[in-house]
Amino acid sequence: MLRSLVRETQLSANQFILPLFVCPGGKIRREVSSMPGVYNFSVDEAVNEALMAAESGVRGLILFGLPESKDELASGAYAEDGIVQKAIRAIRKAAPDLVIMADTCLCEYTSHGHCGVVREKEVLNDESLELLARTAVSQAQAGADVVAPSAMMDGQVGAIREALDSAGLHEVAIMSYSVKYASAFYGPFREAAESAPAFGDRRAYQMDPPNAREALREAELDYSEGADILMVKPATIYLDVLKLIRDRFDLPLAAYHVSGEYALIKAAAQKGWIDESRVILETLTGIKRAGADIIITYFAREAAGLLDQQ
């Protein structure tokens, strides 16, 4: 009892955001092979999952979409009846108190799998901004509380803020993937979201893992463009960077405990090599201790249950 009384870092389910992958169809709950316990959900099943998350004490979700079809200009990302837009409306109706975040990117919707407009195998930054802004407005109009640009296009936060304000959506917040590394820990996500690039990789617009000072510059740009929340991704591999951002900026700070980090824990637990419950809480506590106010994690529901047992 005394130990918990003087504990310096307090972990709470209020800080967790649960990622959900939404796909077309009905009554679909398809497990991702590289992420045991994580599923592609049809909208009706996503609603059920959202309700169970809320019941466990989780306060928010972030939605990723798997569209019925893809094209060069990611039209499914900003369609009024897009898969994420449908999910936002359904979850908002069923669980009005949940914070609904929408990943604002194009990679899941483009036929080439890159995060922007591509011409001659080159991602065009400025041409991509208009589509990202349209996507953010569409998600906000569907009822998202927060849009989360993850494409790492220069100027994306400013373009989205301007578009939201022009549409009268002043109260919709922007959580920017400010510091997003070109990480090898995203592999399972790309299976879950069916978003692997058809050619090349994303190192041209995601950060080089050895760089830390660059993270400060990237975060400063998003801060100056009007981001409401900054993010570091991945989380545990970049706790030093998370601490740098925390010490420099006074905005709320999120950390994304990504698919590969999740999969490592799950795989080791299935082998019986670790105590999964203790490792989950120790990992998330480390992320909190480094400075995160918000933790995006596939363990959100499970961790909330573990905290209830303490």
Protein backbone atom coordinates (compact mmCIF):
# COMPACT_ATOMS: atom_id res chain seq x y z
CA MET A 1 0.00 0.00 0.00
CA LEU A 2 2.80 2.42 0.93
CA ARG A 3 4.63 1.53 -2.29
CA SER A 4 1.65 2.60 -4.42
CA LEU A 5 1.11 5.71 -2.30
CA VAL A 6 4.56 7.11 -3.14
CA ARG A 7 4.65 5.88 -6.75
CA GLU A 8 6.05 8.65 -8.98
CA THR A 9 4.39 7.62 -12.25
CA GLN A 10 0.69 6.77 -12.28
CA LEU A 11 -0.71 4.85 -15.24
CA SER A 12 -4.42 5.18 -16.00
CA ALA A 13 -6.82 3.81 -18.60
CA ASN A 14 -7.85 7.43 -19.18
CA GLN A 15 -4.58 7.88 -21.05
CA PHE A 16 -5.07 4.99 -23.49
CA ILE A 17 -6.21 5.19 -27.10
CA LEU A 18 -7.21 1.94 -28.82
CA PRO A 19 -6.48 1.57 -32.56
CA LEU A 20 -9.23 -0.09 -34.61
CA PHE A 21 -9.03 -1.31 -38.21
CA VAL A 22 -12.36 -1.02 -40.01
CA CYS A 23 -13.23 -2.96 -43.17
CA PRO A 24 -16.27 -3.31 -45.46
CA GLY A 25 -18.97 -5.92 -44.85
CA GLY A 26 -20.97 -7.08 -41.87
CA LYS A 27 -20.28 -9.29 -38.86
CA ILE A 28 -16.58 -9.44 -39.76
CA ARG A 29 -14.01 -9.99 -37.05
CA ARG A 30 -10.85 -11.16 -38.88
CA GLU A 31 -7.73 -11.66 -36.76
CA VAL A 32 -4.44 -10.19 -38.02
CA SER A 33 -2.03 -13.11 -38.15
CA SER A 34 1.01 -11.12 -37.03
CA MET A 35 -0.92 -9.40 -34.20
CA PRO A 36 -2.74 -11.97 -32.06
CA GLY A 37 -5.78 -10.36 -30.46
CA VAL A 38 -6.03 -7.58 -33.07
CA TYR A 39 -8.74 -7.74 -35.75
CA ASN A 40 -10.10 -6.16 -38.88
CA PHE A 41 -13.67 -5.21 -37.93
CA SER A 42 -16.69 -4.44 -40.05
CA VAL A 43 -18.46 -1.28 -38.86
CA ASP A 44 -20.99 -3.18 -36.74
CA GLU A 45 -18.24 -5.13 -35.00
CA ALA A 46 -16.15 -1.97 -34.56
CA VAL A 47 -19.11 -0.48 -32.69
CA ASN A 48 -19.19 -3.51 -30.40
CA GLU A 49 -15.46 -3.22 -29.79
CA ALA A 50 -15.79 0.49 -29.07
CA LEU A 51 -18.51 -0.19 -26.50
CA MET A 52 -16.36 -2.82 -24.77
CA ALA A 53 -13.40 -0.44 -24.76
CA ALA A 54 -15.53 2.27 -23.15
CA GLU A 55 -16.82 -0.20 -20.56
CA SER A 56 -13.22 -1.12 -19.65
CA GLY A 57 -12.38 2.53 -18.98
CA VAL A 58 -10.63 3.39 -22.26
CA ARG A 59 -11.57 6.94 -23.25
CA GLY A 60 -10.67 7.03 -26.94
CA LEU A 61 -10.16 5.24 -30.25
CA ILE A 62 -8.17 5.93 -33.39
CA LEU A 63 -9.64 4.54 -36.60
CA PHE A 64 -7.87 3.17 -39.67
CA GLY A 65 -9.75 2.17 -42.80
CA LEU A 66 -9.54 -0.66 -45.31
CA PRO A 67 -11.55 0.55 -48.32
CA GLU A 68 -13.41 -1.62 -50.79
CA SER A 69 -11.19 -0.32 -53.60
CA LYS A 70 -8.07 1.79 -54.03
CA ASP A 71 -6.96 4.26 -56.66
CA GLU A 72 -4.12 6.64 -57.50
CA LEU A 73 -5.69 9.60 -55.66
CA ALA A 74 -6.95 7.80 -52.53
CA SER A 75 -10.56 8.83 -53.16
CA GLY A 76 -11.79 6.47 -50.43
CA ALA A 77 -9.95 8.54 -47.82
CA TYR A 78 -12.13 11.62 -48.27
CA ALA A 79 -15.38 10.10 -49.56
CA GLU A 80 -18.47 11.05 -47.55
CA ASP A 81 -19.40 7.36 -47.38
CA GLY A 82 -15.81 6.17 -46.84
CA ILE A 83 -15.23 3.30 -44.44
CA VAL A 84 -13.78 5.47 -41.66
CA GLN A 85 -16.51 8.07 -42.08
CA LYS A 86 -19.16 5.34 -41.70
CA ALA A 87 -17.42 3.99 -38.62
CA ILE A 88 -17.15 7.43 -37.02
CA ARG A 89 -20.89 8.04 -37.42
CA ALA A 90 -21.83 4.61 -36.07
CA ILE A 91 -19.50 4.76 -33.07
CA ARG A 92 -20.49 8.34 -32.28
CA LYS A 93 -24.16 7.26 -32.14
CA ALA A 94 -23.47 4.20 -29.99
CA ALA A 95 -20.83 5.67 -27.65
CA PRO A 96 -21.21 9.45 -27.63
CA ASP A 97 -18.74 10.00 -24.79
CA LEU A 98 -15.79 8.30 -26.49
CA VAL A 99 -13.09 10.49 -28.02
CA ILE A 100 -12.94 9.46 -31.68
CA MET A 101 -9.70 10.06 -33.53
CA ALA A 102 -9.19 9.40 -37.23
CA ASP A 103 -5.86 8.59 -38.82
CA THR A 104 -5.49 11.12 -41.63
CA CYS A 105 -3.35 9.55 -44.30
CA LEU A 106 -3.64 8.23 -47.84
CA CYS A 107 -1.54 5.06 -47.80
CA GLU A 108 -4.43 2.71 -46.99
CA TYR A 109 -6.44 4.13 -49.90
CA THR A 110 -3.86 4.48 -52.70
CA SER A 111 -3.22 1.73 -55.22
CA HIS A 112 0.54 2.31 -54.80
CA GLY A 113 0.50 2.30 -50.97
CA HIS A 114 2.33 5.58 -50.48
CA CYS A 115 1.16 8.42 -48.26
CA GLY A 116 0.72 11.01 -50.99
CA VAL A 117 0.29 11.70 -54.67
CA VAL A 118 2.82 9.78 -56.78
CA ARG A 119 4.13 10.70 -60.18
CA GLU A 120 6.88 8.69 -61.88
CA LYS A 121 7.48 6.86 -58.58
CA GLU A 122 8.08 10.12 -56.71
CA VAL A 123 5.85 11.25 -53.84
CA LEU A 124 4.80 14.86 -54.45
CA ASN A 125 4.54 16.78 -51.20
CA ASP A 126 2.58 19.87 -52.19
CA GLU A 127 0.08 18.00 -54.37
CA SER A 128 -0.61 15.69 -51.44
CA LEU A 129 -1.57 18.46 -49.02
CA GLU A 130 -4.90 19.19 -50.71
CA LEU A 131 -5.97 15.54 -50.47
CA LEU A 132 -4.89 15.29 -46.83
CA ALA A 133 -6.85 18.44 -46.02
CA ARG A 134 -9.94 17.07 -47.79
CA THR A 135 -9.59 13.85 -45.83
CA ALA A 136 -9.36 15.69 -42.51
CA VAL A 137 -12.44 17.81 -43.27
CA SER A 138 -14.41 14.73 -44.32
CA GLN A 139 -13.47 12.89 -41.12
CA ALA A 140 -14.32 15.92 -38.98
CA GLN A 141 -17.68 16.40 -40.69
CA ALA A 142 -18.46 12.75 -39.96
CA GLY A 143 -17.94 13.47 -36.27
CA ALA A 144 -14.26 12.91 -35.44
CA ASP A 145 -13.07 14.86 -32.40
CA VAL A 146 -9.44 14.63 -33.50
CA VAL A 147 -7.78 14.21 -36.90
CA ALA A 148 -4.33 12.71 -36.88
CA PRO A 149 -2.17 13.44 -39.95
CA SER A 150 0.42 10.69 -40.29
CA ALA A 151 1.69 11.18 -43.84
CA MET A 152 4.75 13.24 -42.81
CA MET A 153 4.22 15.67 -45.68
CA ASP A 154 5.81 19.07 -45.04
CA GLY A 155 3.13 21.63 -44.19
CA GLN A 156 0.36 19.10 -43.59
CA VAL A 157 -0.68 20.50 -40.20
CA GLY A 158 -0.98 24.05 -41.53
CA ALA A 159 -2.96 22.91 -44.58
CA ILE A 160 -5.33 20.86 -42.44
CA ARG A 161 -5.83 23.61 -39.85
CA GLU A 162 -6.68 26.10 -42.58
CA ALA A 163 -9.12 23.68 -44.21
CA LEU A 164 -10.83 22.82 -40.93
CA ASP A 165 -11.22 26.47 -39.98
CA SER A 166 -12.56 27.36 -43.43
CA ALA A 167 -15.19 24.62 -43.02
CA GLY A 168 -16.23 25.99 -39.62
CA LEU A 169 -14.66 23.05 -37.79
CA HIS A 170 -12.65 25.17 -35.37
CA GLU A 171 -13.07 22.85 -32.41
CA VAL A 172 -11.68 19.75 -34.12
CA ALA A 173 -8.20 19.08 -32.78
CA ILE A 174 -5.12 18.01 -34.73
CA MET A 175 -2.88 15.31 -33.30
CA SER A 176 0.13 15.34 -35.57
CA TYR A 177 2.46 12.40 -36.08
CA SER A 178 5.20 14.99 -35.63
CA VAL A 179 8.07 12.60 -35.03
CA LYS A 180 7.48 9.48 -37.10
CA TYR A 181 10.51 7.36 -37.81
CA ALA A 182 11.04 5.13 -40.84
CA SER A 183 10.88 2.13 -38.55
CA ALA A 184 11.09 -1.61 -39.12
CA PHE A 185 8.51 -1.99 -36.32
CA TYR A 186 5.56 -1.15 -38.60
CA GLY A 187 5.46 -4.50 -40.41
CA PRO A 188 2.43 -6.04 -38.68
CA PHE A 189 0.46 -2.80 -39.12
CA ARG A 190 0.94 -2.97 -42.86
CA GLU A 191 -0.64 -6.41 -42.84
CA ALA A 192 -3.52 -5.18 -40.68
CA ALA A 193 -4.16 -2.07 -42.81
CA GLU A 194 -3.16 -3.63 -46.14
CA SER A 195 -0.95 -0.60 -46.73
CA ALA A 196 2.48 -1.87 -47.76
CA PRO A 197 3.96 0.29 -50.54
CA ALA A 198 3.93 -1.28 -53.99
CA PHE A 199 7.43 0.00 -54.68
CA GLY A 200 10.27 1.52 -52.69
CA ASP A 201 9.73 2.53 -49.09
CA ARG A 202 8.79 5.60 -47.05
CA ARG A 203 12.23 6.75 -45.98
CA ALA A 204 12.01 9.79 -48.26
CA TYR A 205 9.38 11.34 -45.98
CA GLN A 206 9.73 9.55 -42.65
CA MET A 207 12.57 10.28 -40.24
CA ASP A 208 15.94 8.54 -40.13
CA PRO A 209 16.15 6.49 -36.89
CA PRO A 210 19.61 7.76 -35.82
CA ASN A 211 18.38 11.39 -35.73
CA ALA A 212 17.18 12.99 -32.50
CA ARG A 213 17.79 16.72 -33.02
CA GLU A 214 15.77 16.50 -36.24
CA ALA A 215 12.82 15.42 -34.10
CA LEU A 216 12.88 18.79 -32.35
CA ARG A 217 12.78 20.59 -35.70
CA GLU A 218 9.88 18.46 -36.94
CA ALA A 219 7.91 19.02 -33.75
CA GLU A 220 8.62 22.76 -33.85
CA LEU A 221 7.18 22.99 -37.36
CA ASP A 222 3.96 21.25 -36.35
CA TYR A 223 3.74 23.35 -33.20
CA SER A 224 4.06 26.55 -35.22
CA GLU A 225 1.44 25.36 -37.77
CA GLY A 226 -1.19 24.84 -35.09
CA ALA A 227 -0.99 21.23 -33.91
CA ASP A 228 -2.93 20.62 -30.70
CA ILE A 229 -1.18 17.36 -29.79
CA LEU A 230 2.30 16.17 -30.80
CA MET A 231 3.22 12.51 -31.23
CA VAL A 232 6.33 10.33 -31.22
CA LYS A 233 6.19 7.01 -33.10
CA PRO A 234 7.34 4.31 -32.29
CA ALA A 235 7.30 4.61 -28.51
CA THR A 236 9.62 2.29 -26.56
CA ILE A 237 12.47 2.38 -29.07
CA TYR A 238 12.48 6.20 -28.94
CA LEU A 239 11.91 7.01 -25.28
CA ASP A 240 14.89 9.38 -25.39
CA VAL A 241 13.20 11.34 -28.18
CA LEU A 242 9.90 11.30 -26.29
CA LYS A 243 11.70 12.88 -23.31
CA LEU A 244 13.30 15.51 -25.59
CA ILE A 245 9.92 16.55 -26.97
CA ARG A 246 8.34 16.56 -23.50
CA ASP A 247 11.04 18.86 -22.13
CA ARG A 248 10.82 21.27 -25.09
CA PHE A 249 7.08 21.67 -25.72
CA ASP A 250 4.09 22.30 -23.48
CA LEU A 251 1.48 20.72 -25.77
CA PRO A 252 -0.11 17.37 -24.88
CA LEU A 253 2.19 14.60 -26.06
CA ALA A 254 1.17 11.23 -27.48
CA ALA A 255 3.26 8.14 -28.05
CA TYR A 256 2.28 5.29 -30.36
CA HIS A 257 3.20 1.84 -29.06
CA VAL A 258 3.28 0.37 -32.55
CA SER A 259 2.38 -2.99 -34.05
CA GLY A 260 5.88 -4.45 -33.99
CA GLU A 261 6.33 -3.55 -30.34
CA TYR A 262 2.99 -5.22 -29.60
CA ALA A 263 3.86 -8.30 -31.65
CA LEU A 264 7.19 -8.82 -29.85
CA ILE A 265 5.46 -8.97 -26.48
CA LYS A 266 2.73 -11.27 -27.78
CA ALA A 267 5.22 -13.64 -29.41
CA ALA A 268 7.42 -13.90 -26.32
CA ALA A 269 4.37 -14.43 -24.12
CA GLN A 270 3.09 -17.22 -26.36
CA LYS A 271 6.46 -18.93 -25.96
CA GLY A 272 6.18 -18.62 -22.19
CA TRP A 273 9.34 -16.53 -22.02
CA ILE A 274 7.82 -13.53 -20.22
CA ASP A 275 5.03 -12.67 -17.83
CA GLU A 276 2.80 -10.89 -20.35
CA SER A 277 0.70 -8.92 -17.87
CA ARG A 278 3.70 -7.53 -16.02
CA VAL A 279 5.53 -6.69 -19.24
CA ILE A 280 2.49 -4.84 -20.63
CA LEU A 281 2.21 -2.59 -17.59
CA GLU A 282 5.96 -2.10 -17.26
CA THR A 283 6.20 -1.11 -20.92
CA LEU A 284 3.32 1.35 -20.80
CA THR A 285 4.58 2.79 -17.52
CA GLY A 286 7.96 3.41 -19.17
CA ILE A 287 6.25 5.33 -21.97
CA LYS A 288 4.30 7.38 -19.42
CA ARG A 289 7.43 8.00 -17.33
CA ALA A 290 9.27 9.35 -20.39
CA GLY A 291 6.61 12.03 -20.79
CA ALA A 292 3.60 10.75 -22.75
CA ASP A 293 0.21 12.15 -21.79
CA ILE A 294 -1.56 9.87 -24.29
CA ILE A 295 -0.56 6.29 -25.15
CA ILE A 296 -1.89 4.72 -28.33
CA THR A 297 -1.65 1.00 -27.79
CA TYR A 298 -3.23 -2.24 -28.99
CA PHE A 299 -3.06 -3.32 -25.34
CA ALA A 300 -5.48 -0.56 -24.27
CA ARG A 301 -8.37 -2.79 -23.21
CA GLU A 302 -6.14 -5.44 -21.70
CA ALA A 303 -4.04 -2.90 -19.81
CA ALA A 304 -7.17 -1.19 -18.48
CA GLY A 305 -8.31 -4.53 -17.07
CA LEU A 306 -4.92 -5.16 -15.47
CA LEU A 307 -4.97 -1.76 -13.79
CA ASP A 308 -8.41 -2.55 -12.36
CA GLN A 309 -6.91 -5.63 -10.71
CA GLN A 310 -4.18 -3.71 -8.92
